[in-house]
Amino acid sequence: MRIPNWPIAMQTDLRPIREVLESNQWGGFHECVARFEERFAAFQHCRWGVSCANGTLALELAMAVAGLGPGDEVIVPAISFISTATAVSRVGATPVFADIEPDTFNLDPERVRAALSPRTKAIVPVHFGGSMADMQRLMELAAERNLIVIEDAAHAHGSEWLGRRAGSFGLAGAFSFQNSKVMTCGEGGILLTNDEDFAARARSFANQGRAPGGGWFHHYTLGSNFRLSALQAAVLLPQLDRLPAQIELRRKNEQRLRAELAGVAGLRFQRIPPEVNARSHYLLLGRIDAQRFGRTRDEFHQALTAHGVPCTPFYPHPLYGNPLYQRGGCRVEPCPVAEACVRDAFWLPHRVLMADETTIAEIAALIRSLQR
């Protein structure tokens, strides 16, 4: 299968890197870091961006600056990468695991409502695979209960809900630039917000408690060093220019693949709500009904990988199944959908959707041939 590798580097990417290398500032205070923060924030319909060394730290920064801590509960989906929950734990708050919707893979607003307690202070929706969570219902619930919303937008570069981009709904949104993401500098992250005071406090925290105009050795609040380097920003800037065209390519190829496989019994792809009018296409998610498809999810996964199609058989357990949370420090709501997805769901990475039309047709033919 002629599936592109990822990340993709181009000759033109060397110019901004060379500019940094030839400067006397390779760290987080090079002007290209500020330029990237401004450009990416604007791209996501936000006013301020505070870049970070990685997406995990961007989430932790959001939790800390929002004032979450011991005694507080934060509702998170049972299906996500571990950082969604550990960011809550790292500030001393308690993650509360709520179930996802069976067709969108995103946090179920009704399960969020059922999980509320007097200690609930925040909700962390994850835009899983790049398709946004139901921000209308979640924001309405948050307003009703005076809750903070922090978007985990690690998958959602360029994703939109009714014309508004990920990260622009809640108090803040955290993005990742880890190696597999649709924009990457190997590691890296950014916290976005439309709240000026929150942005100022986040920037101070991420810069070891310094204040604008203050001296290098003057630290006004407790903080740490979360800064993105200039070399990382230089890698990211050209990718932001390429992102819209790459999203469009993935969109067309996903549309082709879904159309080719529309009649395959027992194969169900992630439902995209009509309100999601743009998305990153970070993952192509699906579920296998073994009885109707004729093979189990694991057999499906093994067959695809044997033919050179990268495929991941979902997470091995919900977040609360990790040994860390088996020992406590969390609250677990009933999550039958999350537990079912562990058994029957899968995803294809976004680089599959960057293949040529012939390869997309070959993948569709392979999947059709697997049905018994």
Protein backbone atom coordinates (compact mmCIF):
# COMPACT_ATOMS: atom_id res chain seq x y z
CA MET A 1 0.00 0.00 0.00
CA ARG A 2 1.37 3.39 -1.00
CA ILE A 3 0.59 5.22 2.23
CA PRO A 4 2.65 8.34 3.00
CA ASN A 5 4.91 8.46 6.00
CA TRP A 6 4.34 11.04 8.70
CA PRO A 7 5.62 13.61 9.56
CA ILE A 8 6.25 15.16 6.14
CA ALA A 9 9.19 17.56 5.75
CA MET A 10 9.74 19.85 2.78
CA GLN A 11 12.80 21.69 1.55
CA THR A 12 11.12 25.03 2.30
CA ASP A 13 10.85 24.03 5.98
CA LEU A 14 14.60 24.56 6.33
CA ARG A 15 14.45 28.33 5.90
CA PRO A 16 12.77 29.25 9.24
CA ILE A 17 14.89 26.64 11.03
CA ARG A 18 18.04 28.16 9.54
CA GLU A 19 16.93 31.62 10.65
CA VAL A 20 16.69 30.38 14.23
CA LEU A 21 20.00 28.52 14.05
CA GLU A 22 21.74 31.63 12.76
CA SER A 23 20.25 33.79 15.53
CA ASN A 24 21.47 34.05 19.11
CA GLN A 25 18.12 32.91 20.53
CA TRP A 26 17.07 29.28 20.13
CA GLY A 27 14.77 29.27 23.14
CA GLY A 28 11.23 30.44 23.73
CA PHE A 29 11.95 34.16 23.37
CA HIS A 30 12.69 34.18 19.64
CA GLU A 31 10.14 36.25 17.73
CA CYS A 32 8.99 33.22 15.72
CA VAL A 33 7.47 31.72 18.89
CA ALA A 34 5.25 34.77 19.39
CA ARG A 35 4.47 34.80 15.67
CA PHE A 36 3.36 31.17 15.78
CA GLU A 37 1.25 31.75 18.91
CA GLU A 38 -0.54 34.68 17.25
CA ARG A 39 -1.11 32.90 13.95
CA PHE A 40 -2.33 29.61 15.42
CA ALA A 41 -4.62 31.36 17.90
CA ALA A 42 -6.17 33.39 15.08
CA PHE A 43 -6.53 30.25 12.95
CA GLN A 44 -8.55 28.65 15.77
CA HIS A 45 -10.67 31.80 16.32
CA CYS A 46 -8.95 32.70 19.58
CA ARG A 47 -7.30 35.92 20.71
CA TRP A 48 -4.39 34.56 22.72
CA GLY A 49 -2.07 31.57 22.58
CA VAL A 50 0.50 30.41 25.13
CA SER A 51 2.75 27.76 23.63
CA CYS A 52 4.06 24.89 25.73
CA ALA A 53 6.65 22.13 25.54
CA ASN A 54 3.89 19.58 24.89
CA GLY A 55 0.13 19.12 24.88
CA THR A 56 0.09 17.45 28.29
CA LEU A 57 1.59 20.57 29.84
CA ALA A 58 -0.90 22.74 27.96
CA LEU A 59 -3.72 20.84 29.70
CA GLU A 60 -1.97 21.05 33.07
CA LEU A 61 -1.45 24.77 32.56
CA ALA A 62 -5.17 25.22 31.88
CA MET A 63 -6.10 23.32 35.05
CA ALA A 64 -3.65 25.23 37.24
CA VAL A 65 -4.55 28.70 35.96
CA ALA A 66 -8.27 27.91 36.18
CA GLY A 67 -7.73 27.36 39.90
CA LEU A 68 -8.78 23.71 39.99
CA GLY A 69 -7.40 21.77 42.93
CA PRO A 70 -8.05 19.49 45.92
CA GLY A 71 -11.73 18.96 46.64
CA ASP A 72 -12.77 19.74 43.05
CA GLU A 73 -14.17 17.21 40.61
CA VAL A 74 -13.60 17.48 36.86
CA ILE A 75 -15.67 15.40 34.43
CA VAL A 76 -13.66 13.80 31.63
CA PRO A 77 -14.56 11.16 29.02
CA ALA A 78 -13.69 7.56 29.80
CA ILE A 79 -12.05 7.29 26.37
CA SER A 80 -9.06 9.51 25.68
CA PHE A 81 -5.29 9.57 26.05
CA ILE A 82 -4.12 9.48 29.67
CA SER A 83 -3.19 13.20 29.74
CA THR A 84 -6.86 14.21 29.79
CA ALA A 85 -7.18 12.65 33.23
CA THR A 86 -3.69 13.09 34.66
CA ALA A 87 -3.82 16.85 34.05
CA VAL A 88 -6.72 16.88 36.51
CA SER A 89 -4.87 14.68 38.99
CA ARG A 90 -1.68 16.72 38.74
CA VAL A 91 -3.40 19.81 40.16
CA GLY A 92 -4.88 17.73 42.99
CA ALA A 93 -8.43 17.58 41.65
CA THR A 94 -10.41 14.37 41.05
CA PRO A 95 -11.18 13.12 37.53
CA VAL A 96 -14.70 11.79 37.13
CA PHE A 97 -14.98 9.38 34.20
CA ALA A 98 -18.20 9.68 32.21
CA ASP A 99 -19.33 7.63 29.23
CA ILE A 100 -19.12 8.52 25.55
CA GLU A 101 -21.77 8.44 22.84
CA PRO A 102 -21.84 5.11 20.95
CA ASP A 103 -21.61 6.63 17.48
CA THR A 104 -19.55 9.85 17.86
CA PHE A 105 -16.99 8.54 20.40
CA ASN A 106 -17.33 11.90 22.19
CA LEU A 107 -18.43 12.77 25.71
CA ASP A 108 -22.16 12.17 26.17
CA PRO A 109 -23.82 15.33 27.58
CA GLU A 110 -26.49 13.23 29.30
CA ARG A 111 -23.82 11.16 31.05
CA VAL A 112 -22.12 14.40 32.08
CA ARG A 113 -25.34 15.62 33.65
CA ALA A 114 -25.74 12.32 35.50
CA ALA A 115 -22.17 12.60 36.81
CA LEU A 116 -22.59 16.07 38.34
CA SER A 117 -22.07 16.48 42.06
CA PRO A 118 -21.76 19.47 44.42
CA ARG A 119 -17.98 19.18 43.94
CA THR A 120 -18.07 19.39 40.14
CA LYS A 121 -16.12 22.43 38.96
CA ALA A 122 -15.23 21.71 35.33
CA ILE A 123 -15.89 19.63 32.21
CA VAL A 124 -13.18 18.55 29.77
CA PRO A 125 -14.67 17.54 26.40
CA VAL A 126 -12.27 15.77 24.03
CA HIS A 127 -12.80 16.28 20.30
CA PHE A 128 -11.98 12.67 19.58
CA GLY A 129 -10.44 11.95 16.20
CA GLY A 130 -11.00 15.58 15.22
CA SER A 131 -14.82 15.53 15.24
CA MET A 132 -16.00 17.97 17.87
CA ALA A 133 -18.00 17.08 20.95
CA ASP A 134 -21.51 18.52 21.25
CA MET A 135 -20.40 21.98 22.34
CA GLN A 136 -23.89 23.43 22.25
CA ARG A 137 -25.27 21.07 24.88
CA LEU A 138 -22.08 21.01 26.94
CA MET A 139 -21.80 24.80 27.04
CA GLU A 140 -25.48 25.10 27.97
CA LEU A 141 -24.98 22.64 30.82
CA ALA A 142 -21.83 24.46 31.96
CA ALA A 143 -23.67 27.80 31.98
CA GLU A 144 -26.57 26.27 33.90
CA ARG A 145 -24.26 24.90 36.61
CA ASN A 146 -21.57 27.62 36.47
CA LEU A 147 -18.89 25.15 35.40
CA ILE A 148 -15.56 25.77 33.70
CA VAL A 149 -15.08 24.17 30.26
CA ILE A 150 -11.56 23.29 29.14
CA GLU A 151 -11.42 21.75 25.67
CA ASP A 152 -8.96 18.95 25.04
CA ALA A 153 -8.40 19.75 21.38
CA ALA A 154 -5.30 17.61 20.87
CA HIS A 155 -6.95 16.03 17.79
CA ALA A 156 -8.83 19.07 16.54
CA HIS A 157 -6.57 21.44 14.59
CA GLY A 158 -8.94 23.23 12.19
CA SER A 159 -12.08 21.50 13.48
CA GLU A 160 -15.31 23.52 13.68
CA TRP A 161 -18.70 23.36 15.35
CA LEU A 162 -21.20 25.62 13.55
CA GLY A 163 -18.39 27.75 12.17
CA ARG A 164 -16.50 28.18 15.46
CA ARG A 165 -13.21 26.39 15.79
CA ALA A 166 -12.06 24.08 18.54
CA GLY A 167 -10.55 25.82 21.53
CA SER A 168 -12.75 28.92 21.17
CA PHE A 169 -15.77 27.70 23.19
CA GLY A 170 -14.55 27.10 26.71
CA LEU A 171 -12.36 29.11 29.06
CA ALA A 172 -9.41 27.54 27.25
CA GLY A 173 -8.46 24.87 24.74
CA ALA A 174 -5.31 22.73 24.75
CA PHE A 175 -3.67 21.45 21.55
CA SER A 176 -0.86 18.97 20.97
CA PHE A 177 1.92 18.99 18.36
CA GLN A 178 3.19 15.52 19.25
CA ASN A 179 4.71 13.43 16.46
CA SER A 180 1.47 11.83 15.22
CA LYS A 181 -0.66 14.99 15.17
CA VAL A 182 -1.75 16.75 11.97
CA MET A 183 0.68 19.53 12.91
CA THR A 184 3.82 18.43 14.68
CA CYS A 185 7.25 19.49 15.86
CA GLY A 186 7.89 16.11 17.48
CA GLU A 187 6.57 17.39 20.79
CA GLY A 188 4.93 20.70 21.64
CA GLY A 189 1.56 22.16 22.54
CA ILE A 190 -0.38 25.38 22.95
CA LEU A 191 -3.09 26.74 25.23
CA LEU A 192 -5.64 29.02 23.55
CA THR A 193 -8.15 31.36 25.16
CA ASN A 194 -10.34 34.39 24.50
CA ASP A 195 -10.03 35.55 28.13
CA GLU A 196 -7.37 38.26 28.44
CA ASP A 197 -6.79 37.86 32.18
CA PHE A 198 -6.57 34.08 31.88
CA ALA A 199 -4.05 34.45 29.04
CA ALA A 200 -1.87 36.80 31.08
CA ARG A 201 -1.87 34.49 34.09
CA ALA A 202 -1.15 31.45 31.89
CA ARG A 203 1.79 33.22 30.23
CA SER A 204 3.23 34.18 33.61
CA PHE A 205 2.82 30.64 34.96
CA ALA A 206 4.46 29.12 31.87
CA ASN A 207 7.32 31.60 32.16
CA GLN A 208 8.27 30.86 35.78
CA GLY A 209 6.04 33.52 37.31
CA ARG A 210 7.58 36.47 35.46
CA ALA A 211 5.56 39.57 34.55
CA PRO A 212 5.62 41.59 31.31
CA GLY A 213 8.38 44.17 31.56
CA GLY A 214 9.74 42.60 34.73
CA GLY A 215 13.34 41.56 35.16
CA TRP A 216 14.69 38.11 34.33
CA PHE A 217 15.25 37.37 38.03
CA HIS A 218 11.93 38.80 39.23
CA HIS A 219 9.26 36.15 39.78
CA TYR A 220 5.87 37.33 40.99
CA THR A 221 3.82 34.15 41.16
CA LEU A 222 4.48 30.43 41.46
CA GLY A 223 5.06 29.00 38.00
CA SER A 224 7.29 26.73 35.97
CA ASN A 225 9.04 26.59 32.61
CA PHE A 226 6.58 25.26 30.04
CA ARG A 227 8.04 27.15 27.08
CA LEU A 228 8.13 25.98 23.47
CA SER A 229 11.53 26.43 21.80
CA ALA A 230 12.18 28.61 18.76
CA LEU A 231 13.25 25.56 16.77
CA GLN A 232 9.89 23.91 17.45
CA ALA A 233 8.00 27.05 16.41
CA ALA A 234 10.09 27.25 13.24
CA VAL A 235 9.05 23.69 12.36
CA LEU A 236 5.38 24.47 13.01
CA LEU A 237 5.00 27.72 11.09
CA PRO A 238 5.20 26.22 7.57
CA GLN A 239 2.88 23.39 8.59
CA LEU A 240 0.18 25.87 9.51
CA ASP A 241 0.32 27.13 5.92
CA ARG A 242 -0.09 23.57 4.57
CA LEU A 243 -2.77 22.45 7.02
CA PRO A 244 -5.91 23.62 5.11
CA ALA A 245 -4.88 21.80 1.92
CA GLN A 246 -3.99 18.66 3.87
CA ILE A 247 -7.34 18.74 5.65
CA GLU A 248 -9.10 19.05 2.30
CA LEU A 249 -7.17 16.06 0.90
CA ARG A 250 -8.07 13.96 3.93
CA ARG A 251 -11.69 15.08 3.70
CA LYS A 252 -11.99 13.98 0.07
CA ASN A 253 -10.31 10.65 0.71
CA GLU A 254 -12.40 9.89 3.77
CA GLN A 255 -15.51 10.71 1.75
CA ARG A 256 -14.35 8.28 -0.98
CA LEU A 257 -13.61 5.54 1.54
CA ARG A 258 -16.93 5.91 3.32
CA ALA A 259 -18.80 5.86 -0.02
CA GLU A 260 -16.95 2.72 -1.17
CA LEU A 261 -17.79 0.94 2.09
CA ALA A 262 -21.32 2.22 2.64
CA GLY A 263 -22.90 -1.17 1.96
CA VAL A 264 -20.60 -3.29 4.12
CA ALA A 265 -22.68 -4.88 6.86
CA GLY A 266 -21.23 -4.78 10.36
CA LEU A 267 -18.83 -1.89 9.67
CA ARG A 268 -19.89 1.41 11.19
CA PHE A 269 -17.78 4.56 10.96
CA GLN A 270 -17.85 7.45 13.44
CA ARG A 271 -20.99 9.55 13.04
CA ILE A 272 -20.18 13.17 12.28
CA PRO A 273 -22.89 15.53 13.62
CA PRO A 274 -24.16 18.04 11.03
CA GLU A 275 -22.95 20.86 13.27
CA VAL A 276 -19.35 19.72 12.64
CA ASN A 277 -18.75 21.60 9.41
CA ALA A 278 -14.96 21.13 9.38
CA ARG A 279 -12.54 18.79 11.12
CA SER A 280 -8.93 17.71 11.13
CA HIS A 281 -9.64 14.10 10.07
CA TYR A 282 -6.97 13.08 12.58
CA LEU A 283 -8.44 9.59 12.92
CA LEU A 284 -10.91 7.57 10.90
CA LEU A 285 -12.78 5.73 13.65
CA GLY A 286 -15.06 2.75 13.28
CA ARG A 287 -16.67 -0.19 15.04
CA ILE A 288 -16.99 -3.82 13.95
CA ASP A 289 -20.11 -5.86 14.64
CA ALA A 290 -18.47 -9.29 14.45
CA GLN A 291 -21.74 -11.17 13.97
CA ARG A 292 -22.74 -9.11 10.92
CA PHE A 293 -19.26 -8.49 9.49
CA GLY A 294 -18.12 -12.09 9.92
CA ARG A 295 -14.82 -11.25 11.61
CA THR A 296 -13.92 -9.81 14.98
CA ARG A 297 -12.35 -6.42 15.40
CA ASP A 298 -9.01 -8.08 16.19
CA GLU A 299 -9.18 -10.19 13.01
CA PHE A 300 -10.03 -7.05 11.05
CA HIS A 301 -7.06 -5.23 12.57
CA GLN A 302 -4.66 -8.10 11.89
CA ALA A 303 -5.75 -8.38 8.27
CA LEU A 304 -5.30 -4.66 7.58
CA THR A 305 -1.87 -4.47 9.17
CA ALA A 306 -0.77 -7.63 7.34
CA HIS A 307 -1.53 -5.81 4.07
CA GLY A 308 0.38 -2.69 5.12
CA VAL A 309 -2.57 -0.56 6.22
CA PRO A 310 -1.79 1.06 9.59
CA CYS A 311 -4.65 0.33 11.98
CA THR A 312 -4.96 0.61 15.77
CA PRO A 313 -7.43 -1.64 17.64
CA PHE A 314 -8.57 1.21 19.89
CA TYR A 315 -7.42 1.61 23.50
CA PRO A 316 -6.91 -1.57 25.55
CA HIS A 317 -9.11 -0.19 28.34
CA PRO A 318 -11.00 2.95 29.36
CA LEU A 319 -8.92 5.51 31.21
CA TYR A 320 -10.04 4.18 34.57
CA GLY A 321 -8.64 0.76 33.60
CA ASN A 322 -5.08 2.08 33.87
CA PRO A 323 -3.22 0.80 36.95
CA LEU A 324 -2.86 4.42 38.10
CA TYR A 325 -6.62 4.82 38.50
CA GLN A 326 -7.27 1.26 39.57
CA ARG A 327 -5.59 2.37 42.78
CA GLY A 328 -8.14 5.17 43.27
CA GLY A 329 -7.94 8.93 43.05
CA CYS A 330 -10.94 9.13 40.71
CA ARG A 331 -14.67 8.57 40.49
CA VAL A 332 -16.06 6.23 37.85
CA GLU A 333 -19.56 6.54 36.43
CA PRO A 334 -21.14 3.60 34.53
CA CYS A 335 -19.45 3.51 31.11
CA PRO A 336 -20.91 0.61 29.08
CA VAL A 337 -20.28 2.32 25.74
CA ALA A 338 -16.61 2.96 26.49
CA GLU A 339 -16.18 -0.66 27.56
CA ALA A 340 -17.89 -1.91 24.39
CA CYS A 341 -15.65 0.28 22.20
CA VAL A 342 -12.58 -1.28 23.80
CA ARG A 343 -13.80 -4.59 22.38
CA ASP A 344 -15.00 -3.59 18.92
CA ALA A 345 -13.60 -0.19 17.83
CA PHE A 346 -10.56 0.70 15.73
CA TRP A 347 -8.96 3.67 14.01
CA LEU A 348 -6.92 4.45 10.94
CA PRO A 349 -4.41 7.33 11.30
CA HIS A 350 -4.69 10.46 9.19
CA ARG A 351 -1.74 9.55 6.96
CA VAL A 352 -3.91 6.81 5.43
CA LEU A 353 -6.21 9.57 4.20
CA MET A 354 -3.28 11.31 2.50
CA ALA A 355 -2.77 8.45 0.04
CA ASP A 356 -3.64 8.70 -3.65
CA GLU A 357 -7.05 7.73 -5.05
CA THR A 358 -5.80 4.36 -6.28
CA THR A 359 -4.56 3.41 -2.82
CA ILE A 360 -7.83 4.53 -1.21
CA ALA A 361 -9.68 2.27 -3.67
CA GLU A 362 -7.34 -0.62 -2.83
CA ILE A 363 -7.96 -0.16 0.89
CA ALA A 364 -11.72 -0.17 0.29
CA ALA A 365 -11.44 -3.34 -1.79
CA LEU A 366 -9.36 -5.00 0.92
CA ILE A 367 -11.94 -4.18 3.61
CA ARG A 368 -14.79 -5.43 1.42
CA SER A 369 -12.90 -8.69 0.84
CA LEU A 370 -12.67 -9.27 4.60
CA GLN A 371 -16.42 -9.50 5.08
CA ARG A 372 -17.64 -13.06 5.36
